C-alpha cells in the first residue's frame, strides 16, 4: 500500500525530502489520534456500572490508554528509525 515510501536508486534529494514529509504527516496524525484516544478513555460516566460492581470500567479504560500510548510509541520509533536510515543514506550518497 505504501510502496511509494520505499527508496529507489534513482531518488534525488527532493524525492527523499517528500518521503520524509509524508512520513512526518503519517506520524503526527497517528500520535494525535493516539492522544485523543487516551484522553477520550478518561471521559464520561462509568461503562456498564452494573457489571462487576463497576470494576469492568477501570480495565477497559486502562487498556485503551495502554493501547493508545503504545501505538504512539511504536509510530514514533518507526519514524525515528526511518529518519535515521534516510540520513545515513544521504550521508553515504554524498561521499
Foldseek 3Di string as FASTA:
>chain_A
DVPLLDDDPPDDVVSLVVSLVVLVVVLVVLLVVLVVQLVVLPDDDQDPCVPPNSPVSVVVSVVSNCVSVVSNVVSVVVSVVVVVVSVVVVVVVVD
